Every structure is written in structure tokens, then in C-alpha cells.
Amino acid sequence: MPQTRNISKDAALEGMHEQPEEISNQARGHKANLSNPNTSKESKENSKQVLEDLGGEEAFYGKQEGNSK
């Protein structure tokens, strides 16, 4: 019989959304929403606020100072 770990789902996912790659993915999605002509004004305003909350241009993984490619 295989052993199972007793970890709650929330505990296993804790911190998942704090990774730089995940923050960058969220920022990309909201930036795409801003340029999509088929989204509502309210949706664009929400995406603009979320982008600001994520850190603006600094939210994009790989755009930090000293990481030029």
C-alpha cells in the first residue's frame, strides 16, 4: 500500500503565487487584457490596478536591474 502524505491542499500550494515567474505570468495576462479591444473598460481598469499592485514593469521576470539579455 503506497504511503500518502497528510498535507492540506492549501498548505501544499502556499507561496505558489509569490514566485517571480508566477507574478510575471499574472502581469503578462493583465497587460494583454489592457491591449485587447474586446475587453470592457471596467476589466481594463481592474487590470491596470492589478499591474500597479504587482509592481508595474518591475513585475515582469527578467526585467530587474542587471539582468539584461
PDB file of N, CA and C in Angstrom:
ATOM      1  N   MET A   1       0.847  -1.179   0.000  1.00  0.00           N
ATOM      2  CA  MET A   1       0.000   0.000   0.000  1.00  0.00           C
ATOM      3  C   MET A   1       0.895   1.246   0.000  1.00  0.00           C
ATOM      4  N   PRO A   2       0.671   2.175  -0.954  1.00  0.00           N
ATOM      5  CA  PRO A   2       1.515   3.373  -1.007  1.00  0.00           C
ATOM      6  C   PRO A   2       1.215   4.305   0.160  1.00  0.00           C
ATOM      7  N   GLN A   3       2.253   4.951   0.632  1.00  0.00           N
ATOM      8  CA  GLN A   3       2.077   5.907   1.724  1.00  0.00           C
ATOM      9  C   GLN A   3       1.569   7.227   1.161  1.00  0.00           C
ATOM     10  N   THR A   4       0.692   7.862   1.892  1.00  0.00           N
ATOM     11  CA  THR A   4       0.199   9.173   1.488  1.00  0.00           C
ATOM     12  C   THR A   4       0.640  10.194   2.511  1.00  0.00           C
ATOM     13  N   ARG A   5       0.900  11.373   2.030  1.00  0.00           N
ATOM     14  CA  ARG A   5       1.292  12.456   2.923  1.00  0.00           C
ATOM     15  C   ARG A   5       0.051  13.188   3.379  1.00  0.00           C
ATOM     16  N   ASN A   6       0.023  13.586   4.607  1.00  0.00           N
ATOM     17  CA  ASN A   6      -1.110  14.292   5.170  1.00  0.00           C
ATOM     18  C   ASN A   6      -0.839  15.796   5.121  1.00  0.00           C
ATOM     19  N   ILE A   7      -0.952  16.359   3.931  1.00  0.00           N
ATOM     20  CA  ILE A   7      -0.728  17.792   3.739  1.00  0.00           C
ATOM     21  C   ILE A   7      -2.011  18.377   3.173  1.00  0.00           C
ATOM     22  N   SER A   8      -2.496  19.411   3.809  1.00  0.00           N
ATOM     23  CA  SER A   8      -3.703  20.035   3.282  1.00  0.00           C
ATOM     24  C   SER A   8      -3.388  20.684   1.943  1.00  0.00           C
ATOM     25  N   LYS A   9      -4.395  20.767   1.108  1.00  0.00           N
ATOM     26  CA  LYS A   9      -4.214  21.342  -0.229  1.00  0.00           C
ATOM     27  C   LYS A   9      -3.681  22.770  -0.143  1.00  0.00           C
ATOM     28  N   ASP A  10      -4.207  23.556   0.763  1.00  0.00           N
ATOM     29  CA  ASP A  10      -3.755  24.938   0.905  1.00  0.00           C
ATOM     30  C   ASP A  10      -2.297  25.013   1.333  1.00  0.00           C
ATOM     31  N   ALA A  11      -1.893  24.142   2.221  1.00  0.00           N
ATOM     32  CA  ALA A  11      -0.505  24.150   2.685  1.00  0.00           C
ATOM     33  C   ALA A  11       0.440  23.778   1.555  1.00  0.00           C
ATOM     34  N   ALA A  12       0.017  22.858   0.704  1.00  0.00           N
ATOM     35  CA  ALA A  12       0.862  22.436  -0.412  1.00  0.00           C
ATOM     36  C   ALA A  12       1.030  23.553  -1.429  1.00  0.00           C
ATOM     37  N   LEU A  13       0.028  24.403  -1.560  1.00  0.00           N
ATOM     38  CA  LEU A  13       0.072  25.481  -2.546  1.00  0.00           C
ATOM     39  C   LEU A  13       0.553  26.803  -1.962  1.00  0.00           C
ATOM     40  N   GLU A  14       0.818  26.829  -0.671  1.00  0.00           N
ATOM     41  CA  GLU A  14       1.229  28.061  -0.005  1.00  0.00           C
ATOM     42  C   GLU A  14       2.492  28.630  -0.641  1.00  0.00           C
ATOM     43  N   GLY A  15       2.454  29.887  -0.976  1.00  0.00           N
ATOM     44  CA  GLY A  15       3.615  30.549  -1.553  1.00  0.00           C
ATOM     45  C   GLY A  15       3.751  30.361  -3.050  1.00  0.00           C
ATOM     46  N   MET A  16       2.884  29.558  -3.654  1.00  0.00           N
ATOM     47  CA  MET A  16       2.997  29.286  -5.083  1.00  0.00           C
ATOM     48  C   MET A  16       2.883  30.562  -5.913  1.00  0.00           C
ATOM     49  N   HIS A  17       2.025  31.471  -5.499  1.00  0.00           N
ATOM     50  CA  HIS A  17       1.785  32.678  -6.279  1.00  0.00           C
ATOM     51  C   HIS A  17       2.776  33.789  -5.973  1.00  0.00           C
ATOM     52  N   GLU A  18       3.772  33.514  -5.169  1.00  0.00           N
ATOM     53  CA  GLU A  18       4.760  34.529  -4.829  1.00  0.00           C
ATOM     54  C   GLU A  18       6.051  34.358  -5.616  1.00  0.00           C
ATOM     55  N   GLN A  19       6.120  33.353  -6.470  1.00  0.00           N
ATOM     56  CA  GLN A  19       7.322  33.116  -7.256  1.00  0.00           C
ATOM     57  C   GLN A  19       7.430  34.171  -8.352  1.00  0.00           C
ATOM     58  N   PRO A  20       8.636  34.613  -8.697  1.00  0.00           N
ATOM     59  CA  PRO A  20       8.802  35.636  -9.737  1.00  0.00           C
ATOM     60  C   PRO A  20       8.161  35.248 -11.065  1.00  0.00           C
ATOM     61  N   GLU A  21       8.249  33.981 -11.435  1.00  0.00           N
ATOM     62  CA  GLU A  21       7.661  33.543 -12.698  1.00  0.00           C
ATOM     63  C   GLU A  21       6.143  33.668 -12.673  1.00  0.00           C
ATOM     64  N   GLU A  22       5.527  33.333 -11.542  1.00  0.00           N
ATOM     65  CA  GLU A  22       4.076  33.412 -11.424  1.00  0.00           C
ATOM     66  C   GLU A  22       3.609  34.867 -11.445  1.00  0.00           C
ATOM     67  N   ILE A  23       4.330  35.737 -10.769  1.00  0.00           N
ATOM     68  CA  ILE A  23       3.991  37.161 -10.777  1.00  0.00           C
ATOM     69  C   ILE A  23       4.107  37.703 -12.194  1.00  0.00           C
ATOM     70  N   SER A  24       5.156  37.306 -12.900  1.00  0.00           N
ATOM     71  CA  SER A  24       5.350  37.738 -14.281  1.00  0.00           C
ATOM     72  C   SER A  24       4.216  37.240 -15.173  1.00  0.00           C
ATOM     73  N   ASN A  25       3.781  36.000 -14.976  1.00  0.00           N
ATOM     74  CA  ASN A  25       2.672  35.463 -15.766  1.00  0.00           C
ATOM     75  C   ASN A  25       1.388  36.242 -15.510  1.00  0.00           C
ATOM     76  N   GLN A  26       1.136  36.581 -14.255  1.00  0.00           N
ATOM     77  CA  GLN A  26      -0.050  37.380 -13.933  1.00  0.00           C
ATOM     78  C   GLN A  26       0.031  38.738 -14.620  1.00  0.00           C
ATOM     79  N   ALA A  27       1.199  39.361 -14.552  1.00  0.00           N
ATOM     80  CA  ALA A  27       1.386  40.676 -15.164  1.00  0.00           C
ATOM     81  C   ALA A  27       1.183  40.601 -16.673  1.00  0.00           C
ATOM     82  N   ARG A  28       1.700  39.553 -17.303  1.00  0.00           N
ATOM     83  CA  ARG A  28       1.529  39.394 -18.758  1.00  0.00           C
ATOM     84  C   ARG A  28       0.061  39.291 -19.124  1.00  0.00           C
ATOM     85  N   GLY A  29      -0.696  38.523 -18.352  1.00  0.00           N
ATOM     86  CA  GLY A  29      -2.118  38.374 -18.627  1.00  0.00           C
ATOM     87  C   GLY A  29      -2.866  39.690 -18.511  1.00  0.00           C
ATOM     88  N   HIS A  30      -2.544  40.459 -17.487  1.00  0.00           N
ATOM     89  CA  HIS A  30      -3.218  41.749 -17.311  1.00  0.00           C
ATOM     90  C   HIS A  30      -2.772  42.756 -18.366  1.00  0.00           C
ATOM     91  N   LYS A  31      -1.511  42.704 -18.770  1.00  0.00           N
ATOM     92  CA  LYS A  31      -1.037  43.605 -19.821  1.00  0.00           C
ATOM     93  C   LYS A  31      -1.726  43.266 -21.147  1.00  0.00           C
ATOM     94  N   ALA A  32      -1.907  41.980 -21.422  1.00  0.00           N
ATOM     95  CA  ALA A  32      -2.618  41.558 -22.631  1.00  0.00           C
ATOM     96  C   ALA A  32      -4.065  42.037 -22.585  1.00  0.00           C
ATOM     97  N   ASN A  33      -4.684  41.980 -21.415  1.00  0.00           N
ATOM     98  CA  ASN A  33      -6.058  42.442 -21.267  1.00  0.00           C
ATOM     99  C   ASN A  33      -6.179  43.927 -21.598  1.00  0.00           C
ATOM    100  N   LEU A  34      -5.174  44.708 -21.211  1.00  0.00           N
ATOM    101  CA  LEU A  34      -5.208  46.146 -21.486  1.00  0.00           C
ATOM    102  C   LEU A  34      -5.185  46.442 -22.981  1.00  0.00           C
ATOM    103  N   SER A  35      -4.526  45.598 -23.762  1.00  0.00           N
ATOM    104  CA  SER A  35      -4.426  45.858 -25.200  1.00  0.00           C
ATOM    105  C   SER A  35      -5.491  45.123 -26.011  1.00  0.00           C
ATOM    106  N   ASN A  36      -6.353  44.366 -25.347  1.00  0.00           N
ATOM    107  CA  ASN A  36      -7.397  43.617 -26.038  1.00  0.00           C
ATOM    108  C   ASN A  36      -8.602  44.525 -26.284  1.00  0.00           C
ATOM    109  N   PRO A  37      -8.957  44.754 -27.555  1.00  0.00           N
ATOM    110  CA  PRO A  37     -10.089  45.645 -27.845  1.00  0.00           C
ATOM    111  C   PRO A  37     -11.441  45.051 -27.449  1.00  0.00           C
ATOM    112  N   ASN A  38     -11.494  43.770 -27.134  1.00  0.00           N
ATOM    113  CA  ASN A  38     -12.758  43.115 -26.802  1.00  0.00           C
ATOM    114  C   ASN A  38     -13.051  43.065 -25.311  1.00  0.00           C
ATOM    115  N   THR A  39     -12.230  43.686 -24.481  1.00  0.00           N
ATOM    116  CA  THR A  39     -12.483  43.681 -23.041  1.00  0.00           C
ATOM    117  C   THR A  39     -13.135  44.995 -22.623  1.00  0.00           C
ATOM    118  N   SER A  40     -13.904  44.929 -21.560  1.00  0.00           N
ATOM    119  CA  SER A  40     -14.639  46.101 -21.089  1.00  0.00           C
ATOM    120  C   SER A  40     -13.713  47.123 -20.429  1.00  0.00           C
ATOM    121  N   LYS A  41     -14.223  48.333 -20.309  1.00  0.00           N
ATOM    122  CA  LYS A  41     -13.474  49.398 -19.645  1.00  0.00           C
ATOM    123  C   LYS A  41     -13.202  49.024 -18.190  1.00  0.00           C
ATOM    124  N   GLU A  42     -14.195  48.437 -17.526  1.00  0.00           N
ATOM    125  CA  GLU A  42     -14.034  48.031 -16.130  1.00  0.00           C
ATOM    126  C   GLU A  42     -12.944  46.975 -15.987  1.00  0.00           C
ATOM    127  N   SER A  43     -12.918  46.034 -16.919  1.00  0.00           N
ATOM    128  CA  SER A  43     -11.897  44.984 -16.883  1.00  0.00           C
ATOM    129  C   SER A  43     -10.505  45.576 -17.079  1.00  0.00           C
ATOM    130  N   LYS A  44     -10.398  46.535 -17.987  1.00  0.00           N
ATOM    131  CA  LYS A  44      -9.106  47.186 -18.227  1.00  0.00           C
ATOM    132  C   LYS A  44      -8.667  47.999 -17.009  1.00  0.00           C
ATOM    133  N   GLU A  45      -9.617  48.668 -16.357  1.00  0.00           N
ATOM    134  CA  GLU A  45      -9.277  49.426 -15.148  1.00  0.00           C
ATOM    135  C   GLU A  45      -8.793  48.487 -14.044  1.00  0.00           C
ATOM    136  N   ASN A  46      -9.438  47.325 -13.925  1.00  0.00           N
ATOM    137  CA  ASN A  46      -9.013  46.334 -12.937  1.00  0.00           C
ATOM    138  C   ASN A  46      -7.603  45.841 -13.252  1.00  0.00           C
ATOM    139  N   SER A  47      -7.346  45.529 -14.515  1.00  0.00           N
ATOM    140  CA  SER A  47      -6.015  45.047 -14.901  1.00  0.00           C
ATOM    141  C   SER A  47      -4.949  46.104 -14.661  1.00  0.00           C
ATOM    142  N   LYS A  48      -5.286  47.355 -14.922  1.00  0.00           N
ATOM    143  CA  LYS A  48      -4.326  48.439 -14.677  1.00  0.00           C
ATOM    144  C   LYS A  48      -3.981  48.512 -13.194  1.00  0.00           C
ATOM    145  N   GLN A  49      -4.992  48.392 -12.331  1.00  0.00           N
ATOM    146  CA  GLN A  49      -4.759  48.438 -10.885  1.00  0.00           C
ATOM    147  C   GLN A  49      -3.939  47.243 -10.421  1.00  0.00           C
ATOM    148  N   VAL A  50      -4.266  46.060 -10.926  1.00  0.00           N
ATOM    149  CA  VAL A  50      -3.527  44.856 -10.534  1.00  0.00           C
ATOM    150  C   VAL A  50      -2.069  44.974 -10.966  1.00  0.00           C
ATOM    151  N   LEU A  51      -1.829  45.481 -12.177  1.00  0.00           N
ATOM    152  CA  LEU A  51      -0.450  45.669 -12.640  1.00  0.00           C
ATOM    153  C   LEU A  51       0.314  46.610 -11.718  1.00  0.00           C
ATOM    154  N   GLU A  52      -0.325  47.687 -11.308  1.00  0.00           N
ATOM    155  CA  GLU A  52       0.321  48.616 -10.371  1.00  0.00           C
ATOM    156  C   GLU A  52       0.617  47.918  -9.043  1.00  0.00           C
ATOM    157  N   ASP A  53      -0.338  47.117  -8.566  1.00  0.00           N
ATOM    158  CA  ASP A  53      -0.152  46.392  -7.302  1.00  0.00           C
ATOM    159  C   ASP A  53       0.973  45.360  -7.397  1.00  0.00           C
ATOM    160  N   LEU A  54       1.136  44.768  -8.582  1.00  0.00           N
ATOM    161  CA  LEU A  54       2.190  43.774  -8.785  1.00  0.00           C
ATOM    162  C   LEU A  54       3.569  44.415  -8.918  1.00  0.00           C
ATOM    163  N   GLY A  55       3.607  45.714  -9.172  1.00  0.00           N
ATOM    164  CA  GLY A  55       4.897  46.392  -9.278  1.00  0.00           C
ATOM    165  C   GLY A  55       5.161  47.022 -10.626  1.00  0.00           C
ATOM    166  N   GLY A  56       4.145  47.142 -11.465  1.00  0.00           N
ATOM    167  CA  GLY A  56       4.330  47.764 -12.774  1.00  0.00           C
ATOM    168  C   GLY A  56       5.294  46.969 -13.642  1.00  0.00           C
ATOM    169  N   GLU A  57       6.187  47.658 -14.320  1.00  0.00           N
ATOM    170  CA  GLU A  57       7.157  46.994 -15.199  1.00  0.00           C
ATOM    171  C   GLU A  57       8.103  46.086 -14.426  1.00  0.00           C
ATOM    172  N   GLU A  58       8.295  46.350 -13.150  1.00  0.00           N
ATOM    173  CA  GLU A  58       9.179  45.520 -12.325  1.00  0.00           C
ATOM    174  C   GLU A  58       8.573  44.141 -12.055  1.00  0.00           C
ATOM    175  N   ALA A  59       7.273  43.965 -12.368  1.00  0.00           N
ATOM    176  CA  ALA A  59       6.616  42.682 -12.131  1.00  0.00           C
ATOM    177  C   ALA A  59       7.026  41.626 -13.152  1.00  0.00           C
ATOM    178  N   PHE A  60       7.634  42.059 -14.243  1.00  0.00           N
ATOM    179  CA  PHE A  60       7.990  41.117 -15.298  1.00  0.00           C
ATOM    180  C   PHE A  60       9.328  40.467 -15.005  1.00  0.00           C
ATOM    181  N   TYR A  61       9.317  39.150 -14.897  1.00  0.00           N
ATOM    182  CA  TYR A  61      10.504  38.356 -14.574  1.00  0.00           C
ATOM    183  C   TYR A  61      11.567  38.581 -15.642  1.00  0.00           C
ATOM    184  N   GLY A  62      12.776  38.868 -15.210  1.00  0.00           N
ATOM    185  CA  GLY A  62      13.878  39.079 -16.142  1.00  0.00           C
ATOM    186  C   GLY A  62      14.114  40.533 -16.475  1.00  0.00           C
ATOM    187  N   LYS A  63      13.233  41.431 -16.037  1.00  0.00           N
ATOM    188  CA  LYS A  63      13.403  42.855 -16.307  1.00  0.00           C
ATOM    189  C   LYS A  63      14.014  43.597 -15.135  1.00  0.00           C
ATOM    190  N   GLN A  64      14.483  42.863 -14.123  1.00  0.00           N
ATOM    191  CA  GLN A  64      15.106  43.514 -12.984  1.00  0.00           C
ATOM    192  C   GLN A  64      16.451  44.081 -13.415  1.00  0.00           C
ATOM    193  N   GLU A  65      16.917  45.091 -12.675  1.00  0.00           N
ATOM    194  CA  GLU A  65      18.205  45.712 -12.987  1.00  0.00           C
ATOM    195  C   GLU A  65      19.311  44.673 -12.989  1.00  0.00           C
ATOM    196  N   GLY A  66      20.188  44.794 -13.973  1.00  0.00           N
ATOM    197  CA  GLY A  66      21.333  43.908 -14.038  1.00  0.00           C
ATOM    198  C   GLY A  66      21.062  42.590 -14.729  1.00  0.00           C
ATOM    199  N   ASN A  67      19.844  42.377 -15.181  1.00  0.00           N
ATOM    200  CA  ASN A  67      19.507  41.132 -15.871  1.00  0.00           C
ATOM    201  C   ASN A  67      19.261  41.385 -17.350  1.00  0.00           C
ATOM    202  N   SER A  68      20.097  42.150 -17.993  1.00  0.00           N
ATOM    203  CA  SER A  68      19.911  42.403 -19.415  1.00  0.00           C
ATOM    204  C   SER A  68      20.310  41.171 -20.202  1.00  0.00           C
ATOM    205  N   LYS A  69      19.562  40.921 -21.261  1.00  0.00           N
ATOM    206  CA  LYS A  69      19.830  39.735 -22.092  1.00  0.00           C
ATOM    207  C   LYS A  69      20.306  40.135 -23.462  1.00  0.00           C
TER     208      LYS A  69
END
